[in-house]
Amino acid sequence: MRDPDIVVLRQKIHGLSAEEYAETLRERLPDREVALANTPTEERDLLSRARVATGFTLAEDVLETAANLDLFACVFAGTGHLPLEALEANDIVVTNASGVHGPNIAEQVLGSILYFTRRFHVAERHKQDNRWQSYPTHELQGSTVTVVGLGAIGQAVVDRLEPFGVDTIGVRYSPEKGGPTDEVVGFDDEQGLHDAFARSEYVVIACPLTDATRGLVDADAFKSMAPETVLVNIGRGPVVDTEALVSALRNNGIRGAALDVTDPEPLPSDHELWNFDNVLITPHNAGHTPKYWERMADIIAENLGKLDEGDDDLRNRVV
């Protein structure tokens, strides 16, 4: 039996099966042997013979037998759940799925902003009452949007906002690097960050959860925001202080919120956030795209070519 070049581990991502992933890789890389592990026994066997593995996680206890493994391609952007030190100690390169979510999550953000700009939530309520009644709306043009986090997703959001004629402020760890926004401030610039919140009609959270971002949008941040500000969170729930968010909504401190992520998550059915008419909640669904596996296959194909050439400057390299 031929040793596999790539082994696809057992996982389901946004309802997409591992079988679909393996088939996509076979179509993208017809000259490579792609194997699908359906059971724990198959995983251990295939990992002992494969050069590349891809999936959500890789258990530390299988690394000793994965003697041929050069690369683990994680199908998530976040890699904090992986045994990174053990992977590095075993000379296994780790890459992530950064960029895979850019287009679809950026579209979710844009849809959320337009939802509140044109006040579709009001139209939805009127329709439920069979009521033909006009209502005032807003325009996105000329407004200010702050994007917290200028990674692949944040940059995709900014790119899609450009045709709407808005002013943009980006928040990143290294503001001296600049960015695609009209202005850039740092996470550690309290004055600049709160000034951005105060000037923005829309605040988009697109950053990962770190020590610096946990609770970043707290009661003090909501105090800086204008009553017309809308919060859009597609990053991580704990970046926003939920108690402070509920208080801001209850007291009309902000105009509304679009939440694809929450804290806690899943959001309990009896949580107060469900009761606000001006809160749009989606179940961590922004990451779903029918092109997920296609984009992962592109990353793996590019990195396999580099490995063949002895180039270790891999796309999305984490370790």
C-alpha atoms as a PDB file:
ATOM      1  CA  MET A   1       0.000   0.000   0.000  1.00  0.00           C
ATOM      2  CA  ARG A   2       1.338   3.400  -0.996  1.00  0.00           C
ATOM      3  CA  ASP A   3       2.091   5.772   1.847  1.00  0.00           C
ATOM      4  CA  PRO A   4      -0.211   8.797   1.812  1.00  0.00           C
ATOM      5  CA  ASP A   5       1.121  12.267   1.082  1.00  0.00           C
ATOM      6  CA  ILE A   6      -1.761  13.826   3.012  1.00  0.00           C
ATOM      7  CA  VAL A   7      -4.007  12.366   5.693  1.00  0.00           C
ATOM      8  CA  VAL A   8      -7.312  14.058   6.470  1.00  0.00           C
ATOM      9  CA  LEU A   9      -8.223  13.556  10.119  1.00  0.00           C
ATOM     10  CA  ARG A  10     -11.729  13.106  11.470  1.00  0.00           C
ATOM     11  CA  GLN A  11     -13.615  16.371  11.894  1.00  0.00           C
ATOM     12  CA  LYS A  12     -16.667  18.353  10.879  1.00  0.00           C
ATOM     13  CA  ILE A  13     -16.329  22.094  10.296  1.00  0.00           C
ATOM     14  CA  HIS A  14     -19.492  24.216   9.972  1.00  0.00           C
ATOM     15  CA  GLY A  15     -21.394  21.119   8.899  1.00  0.00           C
ATOM     16  CA  LEU A  16     -18.854  20.262   6.185  1.00  0.00           C
ATOM     17  CA  SER A  17     -17.629  16.684   6.282  1.00  0.00           C
ATOM     18  CA  ALA A  18     -14.085  15.354   6.238  1.00  0.00           C
ATOM     19  CA  GLU A  19     -15.076  13.262   3.222  1.00  0.00           C
ATOM     20  CA  GLU A  20     -15.775  16.451   1.258  1.00  0.00           C
ATOM     21  CA  TYR A  21     -12.424  17.848   2.356  1.00  0.00           C
ATOM     22  CA  ALA A  22     -10.538  14.749   1.203  1.00  0.00           C
ATOM     23  CA  GLU A  23     -12.297  14.786  -2.164  1.00  0.00           C
ATOM     24  CA  THR A  24     -11.527  18.479  -2.631  1.00  0.00           C
ATOM     25  CA  LEU A  25      -7.840  17.808  -1.946  1.00  0.00           C
ATOM     26  CA  ARG A  26      -7.819  14.922  -4.450  1.00  0.00           C
ATOM     27  CA  GLU A  27      -9.290  17.190  -7.126  1.00  0.00           C
ATOM     28  CA  ARG A  28      -6.844  19.983  -6.317  1.00  0.00           C
ATOM     29  CA  LEU A  29      -3.816  17.639  -6.065  1.00  0.00           C
ATOM     30  CA  PRO A  30      -4.435  14.718  -8.443  1.00  0.00           C
ATOM     31  CA  ASP A  31      -0.792  13.630  -8.300  1.00  0.00           C
ATOM     32  CA  ARG A  32      -0.817  13.263  -4.508  1.00  0.00           C
ATOM     33  CA  GLU A  33      -2.097  10.368  -2.430  1.00  0.00           C
ATOM     34  CA  VAL A  34      -4.826  11.674  -0.115  1.00  0.00           C
ATOM     35  CA  ALA A  35      -6.120   9.332   2.601  1.00  0.00           C
ATOM     36  CA  LEU A  36      -9.101   9.831   4.892  1.00  0.00           C
ATOM     37  CA  ALA A  37      -8.963   8.520   8.445  1.00  0.00           C
ATOM     38  CA  ASN A  38     -12.404   7.406   9.607  1.00  0.00           C
ATOM     39  CA  THR A  39     -11.466   5.763  12.900  1.00  0.00           C
ATOM     40  CA  PRO A  40      -8.873   6.287  15.662  1.00  0.00           C
ATOM     41  CA  THR A  41      -6.996   3.180  14.498  1.00  0.00           C
ATOM     42  CA  GLU A  42      -6.832   4.502  10.925  1.00  0.00           C
ATOM     43  CA  GLU A  43      -5.632   7.877  12.186  1.00  0.00           C
ATOM     44  CA  ARG A  44      -2.743   6.347  14.118  1.00  0.00           C
ATOM     45  CA  ASP A  45      -1.744   4.151  11.182  1.00  0.00           C
ATOM     46  CA  LEU A  46      -1.942   6.898   8.562  1.00  0.00           C
ATOM     47  CA  LEU A  47      -0.162   9.440  10.773  1.00  0.00           C
ATOM     48  CA  SER A  48       2.762   7.039  11.100  1.00  0.00           C
ATOM     49  CA  ARG A  49       3.177   7.062   7.308  1.00  0.00           C
ATOM     50  CA  ALA A  50       1.993  10.474   6.081  1.00  0.00           C
ATOM     51  CA  ARG A  51       4.050  13.565   5.364  1.00  0.00           C
ATOM     52  CA  VAL A  52       1.180  16.022   5.854  1.00  0.00           C
ATOM     53  CA  ALA A  53      -1.828  15.838   8.179  1.00  0.00           C
ATOM     54  CA  THR A  54      -4.753  18.218   8.215  1.00  0.00           C
ATOM     55  CA  GLY A  55      -7.651  18.636  10.607  1.00  0.00           C
ATOM     56  CA  PHE A  56      -8.802  20.481  13.693  1.00  0.00           C
ATOM     57  CA  THR A  57      -6.411  18.994  16.226  1.00  0.00           C
ATOM     58  CA  LEU A  58      -3.549  16.554  16.635  1.00  0.00           C
ATOM     59  CA  ALA A  59      -3.149  14.695  19.921  1.00  0.00           C
ATOM     60  CA  GLU A  60       0.253  14.891  21.560  1.00  0.00           C
ATOM     61  CA  ASP A  61       0.325  11.140  22.241  1.00  0.00           C
ATOM     62  CA  VAL A  62       0.459  10.291  18.520  1.00  0.00           C
ATOM     63  CA  LEU A  63       3.479  12.436  17.731  1.00  0.00           C
ATOM     64  CA  GLU A  64       6.086   9.848  18.703  1.00  0.00           C
ATOM     65  CA  THR A  65       4.816   7.487  16.004  1.00  0.00           C
ATOM     66  CA  ALA A  66       4.380  10.233  13.374  1.00  0.00           C
ATOM     67  CA  ALA A  67       7.986   9.950  12.280  1.00  0.00           C
ATOM     68  CA  ASN A  68       7.394  11.071   8.686  1.00  0.00           C
ATOM     69  CA  LEU A  69       5.130  14.009   9.483  1.00  0.00           C
ATOM     70  CA  ASP A  70       6.520  17.351   8.289  1.00  0.00           C
ATOM     71  CA  LEU A  71       3.402  19.521   8.383  1.00  0.00           C
ATOM     72  CA  PHE A  72       0.147  19.792  10.294  1.00  0.00           C
ATOM     73  CA  ALA A  73      -2.305  22.074   8.486  1.00  0.00           C
ATOM     74  CA  CYS A  74      -4.878  23.169  11.064  1.00  0.00           C
ATOM     75  CA  VAL A  75      -8.286  23.906   9.555  1.00  0.00           C
ATOM     76  CA  PHE A  76      -8.969  26.642  12.138  1.00  0.00           C
ATOM     77  CA  ALA A  77      -7.399  30.084  12.274  1.00  0.00           C
ATOM     78  CA  GLY A  78      -6.832  29.697  16.005  1.00  0.00           C
ATOM     79  CA  THR A  79      -4.178  27.228  17.161  1.00  0.00           C
ATOM     80  CA  GLY A  80      -4.249  27.750  20.913  1.00  0.00           C
ATOM     81  CA  HIS A  81      -5.828  24.309  21.375  1.00  0.00           C
ATOM     82  CA  LEU A  82      -2.828  22.537  19.794  1.00  0.00           C
ATOM     83  CA  PRO A  83       0.224  21.104  21.630  1.00  0.00           C
ATOM     84  CA  LEU A  84       2.460  23.605  19.826  1.00  0.00           C
ATOM     85  CA  GLU A  85       5.559  23.021  21.952  1.00  0.00           C
ATOM     86  CA  ALA A  86       5.378  19.260  21.370  1.00  0.00           C
ATOM     87  CA  LEU A  87       4.824  19.765  17.638  1.00  0.00           C
ATOM     88  CA  GLU A  88       7.824  22.059  17.435  1.00  0.00           C
ATOM     89  CA  ALA A  89       9.941  19.622  19.448  1.00  0.00           C
ATOM     90  CA  ASN A  90       9.088  16.948  16.893  1.00  0.00           C
ATOM     91  CA  ASP A  91      10.062  19.248  13.989  1.00  0.00           C
ATOM     92  CA  ILE A  92       6.485  19.402  12.706  1.00  0.00           C
ATOM     93  CA  VAL A  93       5.556  22.682  11.051  1.00  0.00           C
ATOM     94  CA  VAL A  94       2.108  24.036  11.916  1.00  0.00           C
ATOM     95  CA  THR A  95       0.015  26.251   9.649  1.00  0.00           C
ATOM     96  CA  ASN A  96      -3.462  27.644  10.192  1.00  0.00           C
ATOM     97  CA  ALA A  97      -6.504  28.599   8.129  1.00  0.00           C
ATOM     98  CA  SER A  98      -5.928  32.355   8.187  1.00  0.00           C
ATOM     99  CA  GLY A  99      -7.590  33.967   5.171  1.00  0.00           C
ATOM    100  CA  VAL A 100     -10.057  31.151   4.572  1.00  0.00           C
ATOM    101  CA  HIS A 101     -12.801  33.112   6.351  1.00  0.00           C
ATOM    102  CA  GLY A 102     -12.044  36.544   4.938  1.00  0.00           C
ATOM    103  CA  PRO A 103     -14.675  36.869   2.186  1.00  0.00           C
ATOM    104  CA  ASN A 104     -17.605  35.231   3.991  1.00  0.00           C
ATOM    105  CA  ILE A 105     -17.087  36.881   7.377  1.00  0.00           C
ATOM    106  CA  ALA A 106     -16.553  40.256   5.711  1.00  0.00           C
ATOM    107  CA  GLU A 107     -19.879  39.776   3.916  1.00  0.00           C
ATOM    108  CA  GLN A 108     -21.518  38.951   7.261  1.00  0.00           C
ATOM    109  CA  VAL A 109     -20.142  42.187   8.718  1.00  0.00           C
ATOM    110  CA  LEU A 110     -21.319  44.238   5.765  1.00  0.00           C
ATOM    111  CA  GLY A 111     -24.759  42.628   5.935  1.00  0.00           C
ATOM    112  CA  SER A 112     -24.975  43.374   9.666  1.00  0.00           C
ATOM    113  CA  ILE A 113     -24.030  47.011   9.140  1.00  0.00           C
ATOM    114  CA  LEU A 114     -26.580  47.443   6.358  1.00  0.00           C
ATOM    115  CA  TYR A 115     -29.186  45.655   8.482  1.00  0.00           C
ATOM    116  CA  PHE A 116     -28.965  48.472  11.019  1.00  0.00           C
ATOM    117  CA  THR A 117     -28.289  51.262   8.526  1.00  0.00           C
ATOM    118  CA  ARG A 118     -31.492  50.576   6.597  1.00  0.00           C
ATOM    119  CA  ARG A 119     -33.218  49.340   9.792  1.00  0.00           C
ATOM    120  CA  PHE A 120     -34.383  46.037   8.367  1.00  0.00           C
ATOM    121  CA  HIS A 121     -35.154  44.875  11.900  1.00  0.00           C
ATOM    122  CA  VAL A 122     -37.949  47.478  12.004  1.00  0.00           C
ATOM    123  CA  ALA A 123     -39.304  46.250   8.661  1.00  0.00           C
ATOM    124  CA  GLU A 124     -39.205  42.701  10.016  1.00  0.00           C
ATOM    125  CA  ARG A 125     -41.336  43.659  13.013  1.00  0.00           C
ATOM    126  CA  HIS A 126     -43.803  45.535  10.794  1.00  0.00           C
ATOM    127  CA  LYS A 127     -44.127  42.527   8.513  1.00  0.00           C
ATOM    128  CA  GLN A 128     -44.919  40.261  11.443  1.00  0.00           C
ATOM    129  CA  ASP A 129     -47.797  42.643  12.289  1.00  0.00           C
ATOM    130  CA  ASN A 130     -48.928  42.924   8.618  1.00  0.00           C
ATOM    131  CA  ARG A 131     -48.366  46.654   9.013  1.00  0.00           C
ATOM    132  CA  TRP A 132     -47.567  48.977   6.051  1.00  0.00           C
ATOM    133  CA  GLN A 133     -45.808  51.873   7.776  1.00  0.00           C
ATOM    134  CA  SER A 134     -42.794  53.879   6.697  1.00  0.00           C
ATOM    135  CA  TYR A 135     -39.980  54.541   9.138  1.00  0.00           C
ATOM    136  CA  PRO A 136     -36.790  56.671   9.212  1.00  0.00           C
ATOM    137  CA  THR A 137     -33.479  55.076   8.190  1.00  0.00           C
ATOM    138  CA  HIS A 138     -29.790  55.953   8.046  1.00  0.00           C
ATOM    139  CA  GLU A 139     -27.098  56.180   5.368  1.00  0.00           C
ATOM    140  CA  LEU A 140     -23.808  54.350   5.571  1.00  0.00           C
ATOM    141  CA  GLN A 141     -22.066  56.895   3.344  1.00  0.00           C
ATOM    142  CA  GLY A 142     -20.156  59.470   5.351  1.00  0.00           C
ATOM    143  CA  SER A 143     -20.153  57.443   8.566  1.00  0.00           C
ATOM    144  CA  THR A 144     -17.126  56.226  10.497  1.00  0.00           C
ATOM    145  CA  VAL A 145     -16.372  52.540  11.040  1.00  0.00           C
ATOM    146  CA  THR A 146     -13.757  51.314  13.501  1.00  0.00           C
ATOM    147  CA  VAL A 147     -12.401  47.826  12.799  1.00  0.00           C
ATOM    148  CA  VAL A 148     -10.719  46.292  15.843  1.00  0.00           C
ATOM    149  CA  GLY A 149      -8.189  43.832  14.439  1.00  0.00           C
ATOM    150  CA  LEU A 150      -6.531  44.220  11.033  1.00  0.00           C
ATOM    151  CA  GLY A 151      -5.727  40.594  10.274  1.00  0.00           C
ATOM    152  CA  ALA A 152      -7.018  38.844   7.163  1.00  0.00           C
ATOM    153  CA  ILE A 153     -10.647  39.236   8.251  1.00  0.00           C
ATOM    154  CA  GLY A 154     -10.327  42.858   9.343  1.00  0.00           C
ATOM    155  CA  GLN A 155      -8.622  43.780   6.085  1.00  0.00           C
ATOM    156  CA  ALA A 156     -11.336  41.991   4.082  1.00  0.00           C
ATOM    157  CA  VAL A 157     -13.943  44.031   5.963  1.00  0.00           C
ATOM    158  CA  VAL A 158     -12.135  47.290   5.188  1.00  0.00           C
ATOM    159  CA  ASP A 159     -11.816  46.353   1.498  1.00  0.00           C
ATOM    160  CA  ARG A 160     -15.567  45.826   1.216  1.00  0.00           C
ATOM    161  CA  LEU A 161     -16.393  49.042   3.042  1.00  0.00           C
ATOM    162  CA  GLU A 162     -14.315  51.166   0.634  1.00  0.00           C
ATOM    163  CA  PRO A 163     -17.025  51.619  -2.063  1.00  0.00           C
ATOM    164  CA  PHE A 164     -19.502  52.922   0.522  1.00  0.00           C
ATOM    165  CA  GLY A 165     -17.635  56.154   1.118  1.00  0.00           C
ATOM    166  CA  VAL A 166     -16.990  55.692   4.832  1.00  0.00           C
ATOM    167  CA  ASP A 167     -14.113  56.811   7.019  1.00  0.00           C
ATOM    168  CA  THR A 168     -12.287  53.907   8.641  1.00  0.00           C
ATOM    169  CA  ILE A 169     -10.183  53.543  11.783  1.00  0.00           C
ATOM    170  CA  GLY A 170      -8.156  50.396  12.368  1.00  0.00           C
ATOM    171  CA  VAL A 171      -6.964  49.048  15.705  1.00  0.00           C
ATOM    172  CA  ARG A 172      -3.912  46.789  15.715  1.00  0.00           C
ATOM    173  CA  TYR A 173      -1.011  45.738  17.935  1.00  0.00           C
ATOM    174  CA  SER A 174       1.600  47.529  15.807  1.00  0.00           C
ATOM    175  CA  PRO A 175       0.024  50.796  14.604  1.00  0.00           C
ATOM    176  CA  GLU A 176       3.394  51.936  13.224  1.00  0.00           C
ATOM    177  CA  LYS A 177       2.889  49.390  10.435  1.00  0.00           C
ATOM    178  CA  GLY A 178      -0.079  51.380   9.174  1.00  0.00           C
ATOM    179  CA  GLY A 179      -2.857  49.580   7.393  1.00  0.00           C
ATOM    180  CA  PRO A 180      -5.689  49.834   4.864  1.00  0.00           C
ATOM    181  CA  THR A 181      -7.741  52.171   7.067  1.00  0.00           C
ATOM    182  CA  ASP A 182      -7.705  55.970   7.028  1.00  0.00           C
ATOM    183  CA  GLU A 183      -6.298  55.978  10.560  1.00  0.00           C
ATOM    184  CA  VAL A 184      -4.642  53.360  12.755  1.00  0.00           C
ATOM    185  CA  VAL A 185      -4.381  53.241  16.548  1.00  0.00           C
ATOM    186  CA  GLY A 186      -2.849  50.698  18.903  1.00  0.00           C
ATOM    187  CA  PHE A 187      -4.557  48.410  21.392  1.00  0.00           C
ATOM    188  CA  ASP A 188      -2.473  49.998  24.136  1.00  0.00           C
ATOM    189  CA  ASP A 189      -3.412  53.564  23.121  1.00  0.00           C
ATOM    190  CA  GLU A 190      -6.300  54.154  25.513  1.00  0.00           C
ATOM    191  CA  GLN A 191      -6.895  57.728  24.350  1.00  0.00           C
ATOM    192  CA  GLY A 192      -6.801  56.786  20.668  1.00  0.00           C
ATOM    193  CA  LEU A 193      -9.014  53.733  21.167  1.00  0.00           C
ATOM    194  CA  HIS A 194     -11.714  55.595  23.073  1.00  0.00           C
ATOM    195  CA  ASP A 195     -11.551  58.491  20.627  1.00  0.00           C
ATOM    196  CA  ALA A 196     -12.199  55.973  17.826  1.00  0.00           C
ATOM    197  CA  PHE A 197     -15.166  54.507  19.706  1.00  0.00           C
ATOM    198  CA  ALA A 198     -16.577  57.986  20.315  1.00  0.00           C
ATOM    199  CA  ARG A 199     -16.376  58.934  16.611  1.00  0.00           C
ATOM    200  CA  SER A 200     -17.768  55.719  15.165  1.00  0.00           C
ATOM    201  CA  GLU A 201     -21.259  54.850  14.028  1.00  0.00           C
ATOM    202  CA  TYR A 202     -20.117  51.229  13.735  1.00  0.00           C
ATOM    203  CA  VAL A 203     -17.526  49.321  15.769  1.00  0.00           C
ATOM    204  CA  VAL A 204     -16.505  45.962  14.312  1.00  0.00           C
ATOM    205  CA  ILE A 205     -14.705  43.433  16.524  1.00  0.00           C
ATOM    206  CA  ALA A 206     -12.497  41.269  14.289  1.00  0.00           C
ATOM    207  CA  CYS A 207      -9.612  40.461  16.626  1.00  0.00           C
ATOM    208  CA  PRO A 208      -8.607  37.206  18.319  1.00  0.00           C
ATOM    209  CA  LEU A 209      -9.052  36.629  22.045  1.00  0.00           C
ATOM    210  CA  THR A 210      -5.824  37.429  23.888  1.00  0.00           C
ATOM    211  CA  ASP A 211      -4.873  38.860  27.260  1.00  0.00           C
ATOM    212  CA  ALA A 212      -4.904  42.292  25.616  1.00  0.00           C
ATOM    213  CA  THR A 213      -8.349  41.932  24.032  1.00  0.00           C
ATOM    214  CA  ARG A 214     -10.290  40.064  26.722  1.00  0.00           C
ATOM    215  CA  GLY A 215     -12.904  42.491  28.038  1.00  0.00           C
ATOM    216  CA  LEU A 216     -11.615  45.230  25.727  1.00  0.00           C
ATOM    217  CA  VAL A 217     -15.147  46.484  25.065  1.00  0.00           C
ATOM    218  CA  ASP A 218     -16.194  47.073  28.645  1.00  0.00           C
ATOM    219  CA  ALA A 219     -18.486  49.512  30.440  1.00  0.00           C
ATOM    220  CA  ASP A 220     -15.947  52.290  29.948  1.00  0.00           C
ATOM    221  CA  ALA A 221     -15.815  51.613  26.201  1.00  0.00           C
ATOM    222  CA  PHE A 222     -19.607  51.717  25.915  1.00  0.00           C
ATOM    223  CA  LYS A 223     -19.561  54.992  27.838  1.00  0.00           C
ATOM    224  CA  SER A 224     -17.300  56.439  25.125  1.00  0.00           C
ATOM    225  CA  MET A 225     -19.585  55.272  22.303  1.00  0.00           C
ATOM    226  CA  ALA A 226     -22.355  57.516  21.051  1.00  0.00           C
ATOM    227  CA  PRO A 227     -26.015  56.459  21.403  1.00  0.00           C
ATOM    228  CA  GLU A 228     -26.052  55.936  17.616  1.00  0.00           C
ATOM    229  CA  THR A 229     -23.175  53.430  17.639  1.00  0.00           C
ATOM    230  CA  VAL A 230     -23.772  49.831  16.536  1.00  0.00           C
ATOM    231  CA  LEU A 231     -21.466  47.063  17.756  1.00  0.00           C
ATOM    232  CA  VAL A 232     -20.686  44.156  15.407  1.00  0.00           C
ATOM    233  CA  ASN A 233     -18.800  41.217  16.948  1.00  0.00           C
ATOM    234  CA  ILE A 234     -17.516  38.434  14.687  1.00  0.00           C
ATOM    235  CA  GLY A 235     -14.297  37.956  16.686  1.00  0.00           C
ATOM    236  CA  ARG A 236     -14.663  36.237  20.041  1.00  0.00           C
ATOM    237  CA  GLY A 237     -17.412  36.643  22.636  1.00  0.00           C
ATOM    238  CA  PRO A 238     -15.210  37.492  25.653  1.00  0.00           C
ATOM    239  CA  VAL A 239     -13.692  40.502  23.845  1.00  0.00           C
ATOM    240  CA  VAL A 240     -16.973  42.175  24.836  1.00  0.00           C
ATOM    241  CA  ASP A 241     -18.089  42.389  28.462  1.00  0.00           C
ATOM    242  CA  THR A 242     -21.580  40.876  28.203  1.00  0.00           C
ATOM    243  CA  GLU A 243     -22.920  42.521  31.354  1.00  0.00           C
ATOM    244  CA  ALA A 244     -21.741  45.923  30.104  1.00  0.00           C
ATOM    245  CA  LEU A 245     -23.294  45.252  26.686  1.00  0.00           C
ATOM    246  CA  VAL A 246     -26.669  44.367  28.206  1.00  0.00           C
ATOM    247  CA  SER A 247     -26.535  47.500  30.345  1.00  0.00           C
ATOM    248  CA  ALA A 248     -25.707  49.693  27.325  1.00  0.00           C
ATOM    249  CA  LEU A 249     -28.610  48.199  25.366  1.00  0.00           C
ATOM    250  CA  ARG A 250     -31.037  48.450  28.260  1.00  0.00           C
ATOM    251  CA  ASN A 251     -30.192  52.133  28.805  1.00  0.00           C
ATOM    252  CA  ASN A 252     -30.077  53.105  25.107  1.00  0.00           C
ATOM    253  CA  GLY A 253     -26.338  53.647  25.379  1.00  0.00           C
ATOM    254  CA  ILE A 254     -25.876  52.245  21.856  1.00  0.00           C
ATOM    255  CA  ARG A 255     -28.209  51.820  18.876  1.00  0.00           C
ATOM    256  CA  GLY A 256     -27.843  48.055  18.624  1.00  0.00           C
ATOM    257  CA  ALA A 257     -25.563  45.072  18.242  1.00  0.00           C
ATOM    258  CA  ALA A 258     -24.962  42.269  15.753  1.00  0.00           C
ATOM    259  CA  LEU A 259     -23.445  39.283  17.550  1.00  0.00           C
ATOM    260  CA  ASP A 260     -22.116  36.201  15.796  1.00  0.00           C
ATOM    261  CA  VAL A 261     -20.189  35.299  18.943  1.00  0.00           C
ATOM    262  CA  THR A 262     -21.264  35.668  22.554  1.00  0.00           C
ATOM    263  CA  ASP A 263     -20.075  35.109  26.099  1.00  0.00           C
ATOM    264  CA  PRO A 264     -21.301  32.618  27.191  1.00  0.00           C
ATOM    265  CA  GLU A 265     -21.496  30.567  24.009  1.00  0.00           C
ATOM    266  CA  PRO A 266     -23.802  28.964  23.053  1.00  0.00           C
ATOM    267  CA  LEU A 267     -26.042  31.722  24.352  1.00  0.00           C
ATOM    268  CA  PRO A 268     -28.549  30.186  26.821  1.00  0.00           C
ATOM    269  CA  SER A 269     -32.164  30.288  25.654  1.00  0.00           C
ATOM    270  CA  ASP A 270     -33.167  32.349  28.690  1.00  0.00           C
ATOM    271  CA  HIS A 271     -30.403  34.957  28.280  1.00  0.00           C
ATOM    272  CA  GLU A 272     -31.535  38.586  28.269  1.00  0.00           C
ATOM    273  CA  LEU A 273     -29.785  39.333  24.949  1.00  0.00           C
ATOM    274  CA  TRP A 274     -32.471  37.352  23.107  1.00  0.00           C
ATOM    275  CA  ASN A 275     -35.130  39.834  24.268  1.00  0.00           C
ATOM    276  CA  PHE A 276     -33.777  42.987  22.603  1.00  0.00           C
ATOM    277  CA  ASP A 277     -35.380  43.998  19.286  1.00  0.00           C
ATOM    278  CA  ASN A 278     -32.190  45.828  18.325  1.00  0.00           C
ATOM    279  CA  VAL A 279     -29.851  42.817  18.695  1.00  0.00           C
ATOM    280  CA  LEU A 280     -29.143  40.511  15.761  1.00  0.00           C
ATOM    281  CA  ILE A 281     -27.835  37.125  16.915  1.00  0.00           C
ATOM    282  CA  THR A 282     -26.370  34.438  14.674  1.00  0.00           C
ATOM    283  CA  PRO A 283     -24.981  31.141  16.093  1.00  0.00           C
ATOM    284  CA  HIS A 284     -21.249  31.597  15.352  1.00  0.00           C
ATOM    285  CA  ASN A 285     -22.245  31.150  11.722  1.00  0.00           C
ATOM    286  CA  ALA A 286     -20.188  33.845   9.992  1.00  0.00           C
ATOM    287  CA  GLY A 287     -17.405  31.352   9.352  1.00  0.00           C
ATOM    288  CA  HIS A 288     -19.588  29.111   7.231  1.00  0.00           C
ATOM    289  CA  THR A 289     -18.822  29.113   3.520  1.00  0.00           C
ATOM    290  CA  PRO A 290     -19.247  26.419   0.837  1.00  0.00           C
ATOM    291  CA  LYS A 291     -15.720  27.338  -0.309  1.00  0.00           C
ATOM    292  CA  TYR A 292     -14.041  26.451   3.003  1.00  0.00           C
ATOM    293  CA  TRP A 293     -12.368  23.274   1.763  1.00  0.00           C
ATOM    294  CA  GLU A 294     -11.381  24.866  -1.563  1.00  0.00           C
ATOM    295  CA  ARG A 295      -9.478  27.601   0.239  1.00  0.00           C
ATOM    296  CA  MET A 296      -7.847  25.120   2.620  1.00  0.00           C
ATOM    297  CA  ALA A 297      -6.789  23.037  -0.389  1.00  0.00           C
ATOM    298  CA  ASP A 298      -5.148  26.112  -1.931  1.00  0.00           C
ATOM    299  CA  ILE A 299      -3.088  26.671   1.234  1.00  0.00           C
ATOM    300  CA  ILE A 300      -1.983  23.042   1.388  1.00  0.00           C
ATOM    301  CA  ALA A 301      -1.139  22.899  -2.328  1.00  0.00           C
ATOM    302  CA  GLU A 302       1.035  26.011  -2.048  1.00  0.00           C
ATOM    303  CA  ASN A 303       2.824  24.721   1.037  1.00  0.00           C
ATOM    304  CA  LEU A 304       3.418  21.259  -0.394  1.00  0.00           C
ATOM    305  CA  GLY A 305       5.143  22.871  -3.350  1.00  0.00           C
ATOM    306  CA  LYS A 306       7.364  24.839  -0.982  1.00  0.00           C
ATOM    307  CA  LEU A 307       8.204  21.735   1.047  1.00  0.00           C
ATOM    308  CA  ASP A 308       9.227  19.949  -2.152  1.00  0.00           C
ATOM    309  CA  GLU A 309      11.586  22.837  -2.924  1.00  0.00           C
ATOM    310  CA  GLY A 310      13.057  22.879   0.575  1.00  0.00           C
ATOM    311  CA  ASP A 311      11.457  26.244   1.337  1.00  0.00           C
ATOM    312  CA  ASP A 312      10.259  26.466   4.945  1.00  0.00           C
ATOM    313  CA  ASP A 313       8.667  29.910   4.523  1.00  0.00           C
ATOM    314  CA  LEU A 314       5.207  28.400   4.444  1.00  0.00           C
ATOM    315  CA  ARG A 315       1.966  30.308   4.064  1.00  0.00           C
ATOM    316  CA  ASN A 316       0.189  30.825   7.405  1.00  0.00           C
ATOM    317  CA  ARG A 317       3.072  29.296   9.344  1.00  0.00           C
ATOM    318  CA  VAL A 318       2.511  29.335  13.114  1.00  0.00           C
ATOM    319  CA  VAL A 319       5.379  27.068  14.281  1.00  0.00           C
END
